[in-house]
């Protein structure tokens, strides 16, 4: 993309293939945050009329964000990131010792650690369902893992490792048929894939906004089905989400997902979220989805054609979206990432908290290219040429 440049070399275009970590924010998001911060510097954040306008705008953004989740404004809570959103579900539900939570082996740390902590703190049991080398979850395997003690199934809609698009609706419907709640981590899907309560039939959706949606860092969203709002006890409480009866001392919280927001809201990040949502609305989520679909197929096909490249995850590239993990035989993925950065091409390497998949392939690390709608075939060609050159040097 042409609007991402090196800080050290102004005017040098980067080719950016790391949306799965964080994407360059859209101009609308940056402008919204910067304009607010500049105005607070000029007049102060609590000029009454200004503050009233800002709080009104935050609620407008709540409504606009709700449309991305096929939700109502009352079902949307603003969070600091996707991890916090997951934790608000985990700590908000009331658990009993022996309750079971199904967590597939496809999950990254943020959708594992909090559930393991509940094992220690409350005595729940985390049940692991294996996906195998392809990373594709089987709804029947989820069904077989459900018992009369199962309370929740939690999983990512799109893998940060393999790019696998999971059969979200099928899994959620299986869980619902057994009276089991579902939480979907949409960190890699939001802004890339049409999603929401109507499409997925899930109960909770968490996401950060800095990846596919192209908001700024420090922002996340949790969508909670309205029928379940009362089942979530606020993990944090104070100004913004509570009131205290002066006579009885009783604490009350809003009857909406806003009950999960405590203290001063991160106004710049939420305003940036509004800008990012507007950018998606103007571009069209279906257009974004189709563009990333075509770029994924093109990039995977060109990588496979190189030879001496191992691509991990599903053999059928139609099962993945935006994310392609690979290794160039004989080349350390960290070294490959560094050499590509020297040529202005940004990818990432690491273990990506994907222990089961790495073990399945007998590797310790992998490189990862992740795409967004701002990428082009010409940029992919530049990447392929650079990998091909590195391959020739490795011989």
Protein backbone atom coordinates (compact mmCIF):
# COMPACT_ATOMS: atom_id res chain seq x y z
CA UNK A 1 0.00 0.00 0.00
CA UNK A 2 1.22 3.47 -0.73
CA UNK A 3 0.14 5.24 2.46
CA UNK A 4 2.41 3.23 4.77
CA UNK A 5 5.95 4.58 4.72
CA UNK A 6 9.12 3.98 6.64
CA UNK A 7 9.77 6.41 9.48
CA UNK A 8 13.48 6.17 8.73
CA UNK A 9 13.12 6.62 4.99
CA UNK A 10 10.26 9.03 4.25
CA UNK A 11 8.64 8.32 0.94
CA UNK A 12 9.79 4.68 0.81
CA UNK A 13 6.69 2.55 0.32
CA UNK A 14 6.20 -0.47 2.51
CA UNK A 15 4.30 -3.50 1.32
CA UNK A 16 2.36 -4.42 4.44
CA UNK A 17 1.29 -8.04 4.94
CA UNK A 18 0.72 -8.21 8.70
CA UNK A 19 -2.94 -7.40 9.24
CA UNK A 20 -3.27 -10.47 11.48
CA UNK A 21 -1.12 -8.63 14.03
CA UNK A 22 -2.46 -5.12 13.38
CA UNK A 23 -3.37 -3.26 10.21
CA UNK A 24 -2.55 0.33 9.35
CA UNK A 25 -5.55 2.32 10.59
CA UNK A 26 -7.77 3.98 8.02
CA UNK A 27 -7.43 7.73 7.65
CA UNK A 28 -10.93 8.25 9.05
CA UNK A 29 -9.89 6.53 12.30
CA UNK A 30 -6.68 8.52 12.68
CA UNK A 31 -8.40 11.82 11.90
CA UNK A 32 -11.18 11.22 14.42
CA UNK A 33 -8.74 10.46 17.24
CA UNK A 34 -6.33 13.28 16.40
CA UNK A 35 -9.07 15.87 16.01
CA UNK A 36 -10.43 15.01 19.45
CA UNK A 37 -7.03 15.14 21.11
CA UNK A 38 -6.22 18.47 19.50
CA UNK A 39 -9.50 19.94 20.65
CA UNK A 40 -8.98 18.74 24.23
CA UNK A 41 -5.63 20.53 24.08
CA UNK A 42 -7.34 23.73 22.99
CA UNK A 43 -10.43 23.81 25.22
CA UNK A 44 -9.93 21.01 27.75
CA UNK A 45 -11.80 17.68 27.75
CA UNK A 46 -14.61 18.81 30.05
CA UNK A 47 -15.91 21.95 28.40
CA UNK A 48 -19.62 21.16 29.03
CA UNK A 49 -20.96 21.55 25.49
CA UNK A 50 -17.95 19.75 24.00
CA UNK A 51 -18.27 16.87 26.45
CA UNK A 52 -21.98 16.53 25.74
CA UNK A 53 -21.25 16.33 22.02
CA UNK A 54 -18.60 13.66 22.59
CA UNK A 55 -20.85 11.48 24.75
CA UNK A 56 -23.59 11.77 22.14
CA UNK A 57 -21.11 10.73 19.47
CA UNK A 58 -19.99 7.70 21.52
CA UNK A 59 -23.56 6.43 21.62
CA UNK A 60 -23.91 7.01 17.88
CA UNK A 61 -20.79 4.90 17.37
CA UNK A 62 -22.28 2.21 19.60
CA UNK A 63 -25.27 2.08 17.25
CA UNK A 64 -23.08 2.08 14.13
CA UNK A 65 -20.87 -0.67 15.56
CA UNK A 66 -23.92 -2.75 16.43
CA UNK A 67 -24.77 -3.04 12.74
CA UNK A 68 -21.47 -4.86 12.11
CA UNK A 69 -22.50 -7.46 14.70
CA UNK A 70 -26.14 -7.72 13.60
CA UNK A 71 -26.90 -6.54 17.13
CA UNK A 72 -28.71 -3.73 18.89
CA UNK A 73 -26.86 -0.83 20.56
CA UNK A 74 -27.90 -2.26 23.93
CA UNK A 75 -25.95 -5.43 23.12
CA UNK A 76 -22.62 -3.64 22.52
CA UNK A 77 -19.90 -2.95 25.10
CA UNK A 78 -16.74 -1.01 24.30
CA UNK A 79 -13.56 -2.62 25.65
CA UNK A 80 -9.82 -1.91 25.55
CA UNK A 81 -9.09 -4.90 23.31
CA UNK A 82 -10.28 -8.37 22.34
CA UNK A 83 -8.58 -10.01 25.29
CA UNK A 84 -10.49 -7.86 27.75
CA UNK A 85 -13.73 -8.68 25.95
CA UNK A 86 -13.08 -12.41 26.36
CA UNK A 87 -12.22 -11.95 30.03
CA UNK A 88 -15.44 -10.02 30.65
CA UNK A 89 -17.38 -13.09 29.54
CA UNK A 90 -15.18 -15.48 31.50
CA UNK A 91 -15.30 -13.50 34.73
CA UNK A 92 -18.85 -12.30 34.24
CA UNK A 93 -20.62 -15.66 34.05
CA UNK A 94 -21.32 -17.44 37.31
CA UNK A 95 -19.58 -20.80 37.36
CA UNK A 96 -19.99 -23.89 39.47
CA UNK A 97 -17.29 -26.38 40.33
CA UNK A 98 -17.28 -29.10 37.70
CA UNK A 99 -18.71 -26.95 34.90
CA UNK A 100 -17.06 -27.74 31.58
CA UNK A 101 -15.78 -25.29 28.97
CA UNK A 102 -14.84 -26.57 25.52
CA UNK A 103 -11.71 -24.85 24.18
CA UNK A 104 -10.30 -26.29 20.91
CA UNK A 105 -6.56 -26.69 20.43
CA UNK A 106 -6.73 -24.08 17.66
CA UNK A 107 -6.92 -21.14 20.07
CA UNK A 108 -4.35 -18.45 20.80
CA UNK A 109 -3.35 -17.37 24.30
CA UNK A 110 -6.11 -14.84 24.90
CA UNK A 111 -8.77 -17.51 24.42
CA UNK A 112 -6.96 -20.06 26.56
CA UNK A 113 -5.32 -18.39 29.57
CA UNK A 114 -8.48 -17.00 31.21
CA UNK A 115 -10.29 -20.34 30.98
CA UNK A 116 -7.31 -22.13 32.52
CA UNK A 117 -7.33 -19.58 35.32
CA UNK A 118 -10.98 -20.43 35.96
CA UNK A 119 -9.91 -24.04 36.42
CA UNK A 120 -7.64 -22.93 39.25
CA UNK A 121 -9.97 -20.31 40.73
CA UNK A 122 -13.39 -21.92 40.46
CA UNK A 123 -12.83 -25.59 39.67
CA UNK A 124 -14.25 -25.67 36.15
CA UNK A 125 -12.84 -28.16 33.66
CA UNK A 126 -11.40 -27.12 30.31
CA UNK A 127 -12.13 -29.76 27.68
CA UNK A 128 -9.84 -29.71 24.63
CA UNK A 129 -11.10 -30.68 21.19
CA UNK A 130 -8.40 -31.38 18.60
CA UNK A 131 -8.57 -29.99 15.09
CA UNK A 132 -5.50 -31.74 13.67
CA UNK A 133 -2.98 -30.41 11.17
CA UNK A 134 -5.55 -28.64 8.99
CA UNK A 135 -6.86 -26.56 11.90
CA UNK A 136 -10.47 -27.08 10.79
CA UNK A 137 -12.92 -27.76 13.61
CA UNK A 138 -15.46 -30.54 13.16
CA UNK A 139 -18.90 -29.71 14.60
CA UNK A 140 -19.44 -33.43 15.23
CA UNK A 141 -16.30 -33.52 17.38
CA UNK A 142 -17.68 -30.58 19.35
CA UNK A 143 -20.98 -32.43 19.77
CA UNK A 144 -19.20 -35.54 21.04
CA UNK A 145 -17.31 -33.46 23.61
CA UNK A 146 -20.49 -31.95 25.07
CA UNK A 147 -21.75 -33.48 28.32
CA UNK A 148 -24.45 -32.51 30.79
CA UNK A 149 -21.80 -30.40 32.56
CA UNK A 150 -20.83 -28.33 29.51
CA UNK A 151 -21.65 -24.64 29.92
CA UNK A 152 -19.76 -22.94 27.10
CA UNK A 153 -17.96 -23.53 23.80
CA UNK A 154 -15.39 -20.84 22.96
CA UNK A 155 -13.45 -20.64 19.71
CA UNK A 156 -12.07 -18.26 17.05
CA UNK A 157 -14.03 -17.80 13.86
CA UNK A 158 -10.86 -17.33 11.79
CA UNK A 159 -7.54 -18.75 12.92
CA UNK A 160 -4.66 -16.34 13.48
CA UNK A 161 -2.31 -19.19 12.55
CA UNK A 162 -3.72 -21.03 9.55
CA UNK A 163 -6.35 -18.56 8.36
CA UNK A 164 -8.95 -21.32 8.57
CA UNK A 165 -12.54 -20.08 8.39
CA UNK A 166 -14.34 -22.22 10.92
CA UNK A 167 -17.91 -23.52 10.45
CA UNK A 168 -19.12 -21.05 13.07
CA UNK A 169 -22.86 -21.38 12.60
CA UNK A 170 -22.74 -25.18 12.55
CA UNK A 171 -20.75 -25.26 15.80
CA UNK A 172 -23.03 -22.74 17.49
CA UNK A 173 -26.16 -24.58 16.44
CA UNK A 174 -24.74 -27.85 17.76
CA UNK A 175 -24.02 -26.17 21.09
CA UNK A 176 -27.44 -24.50 21.24
CA UNK A 177 -29.18 -27.82 20.60
CA UNK A 178 -27.60 -29.04 23.85
CA UNK A 179 -28.40 -25.85 25.77
CA UNK A 180 -24.74 -24.76 25.73
CA UNK A 181 -23.62 -21.14 25.35
CA UNK A 182 -21.15 -20.07 22.65
CA UNK A 183 -18.50 -17.37 22.56
CA UNK A 184 -16.84 -16.55 19.23
CA UNK A 185 -13.52 -14.72 19.06
CA UNK A 186 -13.86 -12.56 15.94
CA UNK A 187 -10.51 -10.78 16.23
CA UNK A 188 -9.40 -11.87 12.75
CA UNK A 189 -12.85 -11.64 11.16
CA UNK A 190 -14.17 -8.23 12.15
CA UNK A 191 -13.95 -5.86 9.19
CA UNK A 192 -13.09 -8.69 6.79
CA UNK A 193 -16.04 -11.07 6.99
CA UNK A 194 -19.79 -10.45 7.23
CA UNK A 195 -20.65 -11.65 10.73
CA UNK A 196 -23.01 -11.29 13.63
CA UNK A 197 -25.72 -12.83 15.75
CA UNK A 198 -28.02 -13.52 12.78
CA UNK A 199 -25.33 -15.24 10.71
CA UNK A 200 -23.61 -17.14 13.51
CA UNK A 201 -26.36 -17.92 16.05
CA UNK A 202 -23.86 -17.45 18.89
CA UNK A 203 -24.29 -15.80 22.30
CA UNK A 204 -21.15 -13.67 22.70
CA UNK A 205 -18.79 -12.13 20.13
CA UNK A 206 -15.48 -10.52 21.09
CA UNK A 207 -13.03 -8.66 18.89
CA UNK A 208 -10.29 -6.08 18.82
CA UNK A 209 -10.59 -3.33 16.23
CA UNK A 210 -6.95 -2.89 15.12
CA UNK A 211 -6.80 -5.79 12.64
CA UNK A 212 -9.20 -6.22 9.73
CA UNK A 213 -11.39 -3.31 10.82
CA UNK A 214 -8.36 -0.96 10.81
CA UNK A 215 -9.13 1.01 13.94
CA UNK A 216 -6.38 2.13 16.30
CA UNK A 217 -4.81 0.20 19.14
CA UNK A 218 -6.52 0.20 22.52
CA UNK A 219 -10.03 -0.60 21.31
CA UNK A 220 -12.23 -3.68 21.37
CA UNK A 221 -15.86 -4.72 21.32
CA UNK A 222 -17.97 -7.29 23.11
CA UNK A 223 -21.41 -8.15 21.76
CA UNK A 224 -23.76 -9.82 24.26
CA UNK A 225 -27.17 -11.20 23.37
CA UNK A 226 -29.69 -9.11 25.25
CA UNK A 227 -31.29 -12.17 26.82
CA UNK A 228 -27.96 -12.95 28.50
CA UNK A 229 -27.05 -9.47 29.73
CA UNK A 230 -28.29 -10.12 33.25
CA UNK A 231 -26.14 -13.26 33.41
CA UNK A 232 -22.95 -11.23 33.08
CA UNK A 233 -21.78 -9.68 36.34
CA UNK A 234 -19.54 -6.65 35.75
CA UNK A 235 -15.90 -7.48 36.43
CA UNK A 236 -15.12 -3.79 36.99
CA UNK A 237 -17.40 -1.27 38.66
CA UNK A 238 -17.37 2.45 39.34
CA UNK A 239 -18.09 5.65 37.55
CA UNK A 240 -19.83 5.25 34.18
CA UNK A 241 -21.46 1.87 34.85
CA UNK A 242 -22.89 2.01 38.40
CA UNK A 243 -25.18 4.00 40.66
CA UNK A 244 -25.48 3.75 44.44
CA UNK A 245 -28.74 4.29 46.28
CA UNK A 246 -27.92 6.91 48.94
CA UNK A 247 -30.38 5.38 51.37
CA UNK A 248 -29.68 1.67 51.08
CA UNK A 249 -26.20 1.65 49.56
CA UNK A 250 -27.41 -0.77 46.89
CA UNK A 251 -25.38 -0.73 43.67
CA UNK A 252 -27.22 -0.88 40.37
CA UNK A 253 -25.86 -1.30 36.85
CA UNK A 254 -27.42 -0.60 33.44
CA UNK A 255 -29.65 -3.33 31.97
CA UNK A 256 -27.48 -3.26 28.83
CA UNK A 257 -24.00 -4.41 27.81
CA UNK A 258 -22.75 -1.00 28.92
CA UNK A 259 -22.76 -2.47 32.43
CA UNK A 260 -19.40 -4.02 31.46
CA UNK A 261 -17.75 -0.62 30.87
CA UNK A 262 -16.25 0.98 34.00
CA UNK A 263 -14.45 4.29 34.42
CA UNK A 264 -13.55 6.86 31.82
CA UNK A 265 -14.08 5.54 28.29
CA UNK A 266 -11.13 5.53 25.91
CA UNK A 267 -12.62 8.34 23.88
CA UNK A 268 -9.93 8.65 21.17
CA UNK A 269 -10.03 4.91 20.46
CA UNK A 270 -13.84 4.80 20.33
CA UNK A 271 -13.96 7.81 18.02
CA UNK A 272 -11.40 6.04 15.84
CA UNK A 273 -13.63 2.96 15.90
CA UNK A 274 -16.41 5.12 14.52
CA UNK A 275 -14.14 6.22 11.68
CA UNK A 276 -13.18 2.62 10.92
CA UNK A 277 -16.81 1.48 10.91
CA UNK A 278 -17.66 4.31 8.52
CA UNK A 279 -14.82 3.25 6.21
CA UNK A 280 -16.18 -0.30 6.11
CA UNK A 281 -19.67 1.01 5.42
CA UNK A 282 -18.42 3.09 2.47
CA UNK A 283 -16.27 0.30 1.02
CA UNK A 284 -18.80 -2.46 1.71
CA UNK A 285 -18.12 -5.53 3.82
CA UNK A 286 -19.09 -7.88 0.98
CA UNK A 287 -16.62 -6.14 -1.34
CA UNK A 288 -13.89 -6.35 1.31
CA UNK A 289 -14.59 -10.02 1.87
CA UNK A 290 -14.47 -10.84 -1.83
CA UNK A 291 -11.28 -8.83 -2.36
CA UNK A 292 -9.47 -10.63 0.47
CA UNK A 293 -10.81 -13.95 -0.83
CA UNK A 294 -9.31 -13.31 -4.28
CA UNK A 295 -6.00 -12.06 -2.86
CA UNK A 296 -5.72 -15.12 -0.61
CA UNK A 297 -6.22 -17.51 -3.52
CA UNK A 298 -3.72 -15.59 -5.63
CA UNK A 299 -1.03 -15.41 -2.94
CA UNK A 300 -1.39 -19.07 -1.95
CA UNK A 301 -1.25 -20.16 -5.57
CA UNK A 302 1.88 -18.14 -6.28
CA UNK A 303 3.59 -19.42 -3.12
CA UNK A 304 2.83 -23.03 -4.02
CA UNK A 305 4.17 -22.49 -7.52
CA UNK A 306 7.57 -21.45 -6.14
CA UNK A 307 8.43 -24.94 -4.95
CA UNK A 308 10.48 -25.59 -1.82
CA UNK A 309 7.77 -23.80 0.16
CA UNK A 310 5.68 -25.56 2.79
CA UNK A 311 2.24 -24.07 3.44
CA UNK A 312 0.50 -25.12 6.64
CA UNK A 313 -3.16 -25.62 7.39
CA UNK A 314 -5.86 -26.74 4.95
CA UNK A 315 -4.76 -28.03 1.57
CA UNK A 316 -7.90 -26.49 0.09
CA UNK A 317 -7.16 -22.78 0.07
CA UNK A 318 -10.86 -21.97 -0.14
CA UNK A 319 -11.01 -22.98 3.54
CA UNK A 320 -8.64 -20.18 4.56
CA UNK A 321 -8.96 -16.41 4.34
CA UNK A 322 -6.34 -13.69 4.50
CA UNK A 323 -3.71 -15.64 6.44
CA UNK A 324 -1.12 -18.00 4.95
CA UNK A 325 1.53 -19.61 7.20
CA UNK A 326 4.53 -21.04 5.39
CA UNK A 327 8.22 -21.86 5.55
CA UNK A 328 10.86 -21.63 2.87
CA UNK A 329 12.86 -24.83 3.14
CA UNK A 330 16.35 -24.30 4.45
CA UNK A 331 15.66 -20.72 5.57
CA UNK A 332 14.99 -19.68 9.15
CA UNK A 333 11.62 -17.84 9.14
CA UNK A 334 13.03 -15.08 11.35
CA UNK A 335 15.84 -14.50 8.87
CA UNK A 336 13.34 -14.47 6.00
CA UNK A 337 11.22 -11.87 7.79
CA UNK A 338 14.24 -9.66 8.38
CA UNK A 339 15.47 -9.94 4.81
CA UNK A 340 12.02 -9.04 3.48
CA UNK A 341 11.82 -6.03 5.80
CA UNK A 342 15.11 -4.83 4.33
CA UNK A 343 13.29 -4.82 1.00
CA UNK A 344 10.29 -2.93 2.39
CA UNK A 345 8.04 -5.99 2.71
CA UNK A 346 6.45 -6.59 6.11
CA UNK A 347 5.43 -10.09 7.18
CA UNK A 348 5.77 -11.84 10.54
CA UNK A 349 7.37 -14.98 11.90
CA UNK A 350 7.03 -16.87 15.16
CA UNK A 351 5.22 -19.74 16.85
CA UNK A 352 1.94 -17.77 17.03
CA UNK A 353 0.98 -19.79 20.12
CA UNK A 354 0.17 -22.68 17.76
CA UNK A 355 1.83 -25.54 19.65
CA UNK A 356 -0.40 -28.39 18.36
CA UNK A 357 -0.05 -27.36 14.72
CA UNK A 358 3.71 -26.82 14.99
CA UNK A 359 4.06 -30.23 16.63
CA UNK A 360 1.95 -31.82 13.90
CA UNK A 361 4.38 -30.53 11.26
CA UNK A 362 7.52 -31.02 13.35
CA UNK A 363 8.55 -27.36 13.22
CA UNK A 364 9.25 -24.68 15.83
CA UNK A 365 8.37 -21.52 13.91
CA UNK A 366 6.73 -20.37 10.72
CA UNK A 367 6.47 -17.27 8.59
CA UNK A 368 3.05 -15.71 8.07
CA UNK A 369 1.64 -13.43 5.41
CA UNK A 370 -1.71 -11.82 6.20
CA UNK A 371 -3.73 -9.79 3.75
CA UNK A 372 -6.30 -7.01 3.75
CA UNK A 373 -8.38 -5.31 1.07
CA UNK A 374 -5.78 -2.56 0.60
CA UNK A 375 -3.23 -5.07 -0.69
CA UNK A 376 -2.84 -5.72 -4.41
CA UNK A 377 -1.70 -8.48 -6.72
CA UNK A 378 1.26 -6.32 -7.68
CA UNK A 379 2.36 -6.23 -4.04
CA UNK A 380 2.00 -10.00 -3.82
CA UNK A 381 4.15 -10.34 -6.94
CA UNK A 382 6.80 -8.17 -5.27
CA UNK A 383 6.67 -10.42 -2.21
CA UNK A 384 6.94 -13.58 -4.33
CA UNK A 385 9.93 -12.17 -6.23
CA UNK A 386 11.68 -11.40 -2.93
CA UNK A 387 10.99 -14.88 -1.54
CA UNK A 388 12.20 -16.43 -4.78
CA UNK A 389 15.44 -14.45 -4.57
CA UNK A 390 15.93 -15.56 -0.97
CA UNK A 391 15.29 -19.15 -2.02
CA UNK A 392 17.99 -18.94 -4.69
CA UNK A 393 20.47 -17.56 -2.17
CA UNK A 394 19.71 -20.45 0.19
CA UNK A 395 20.84 -23.06 -2.32
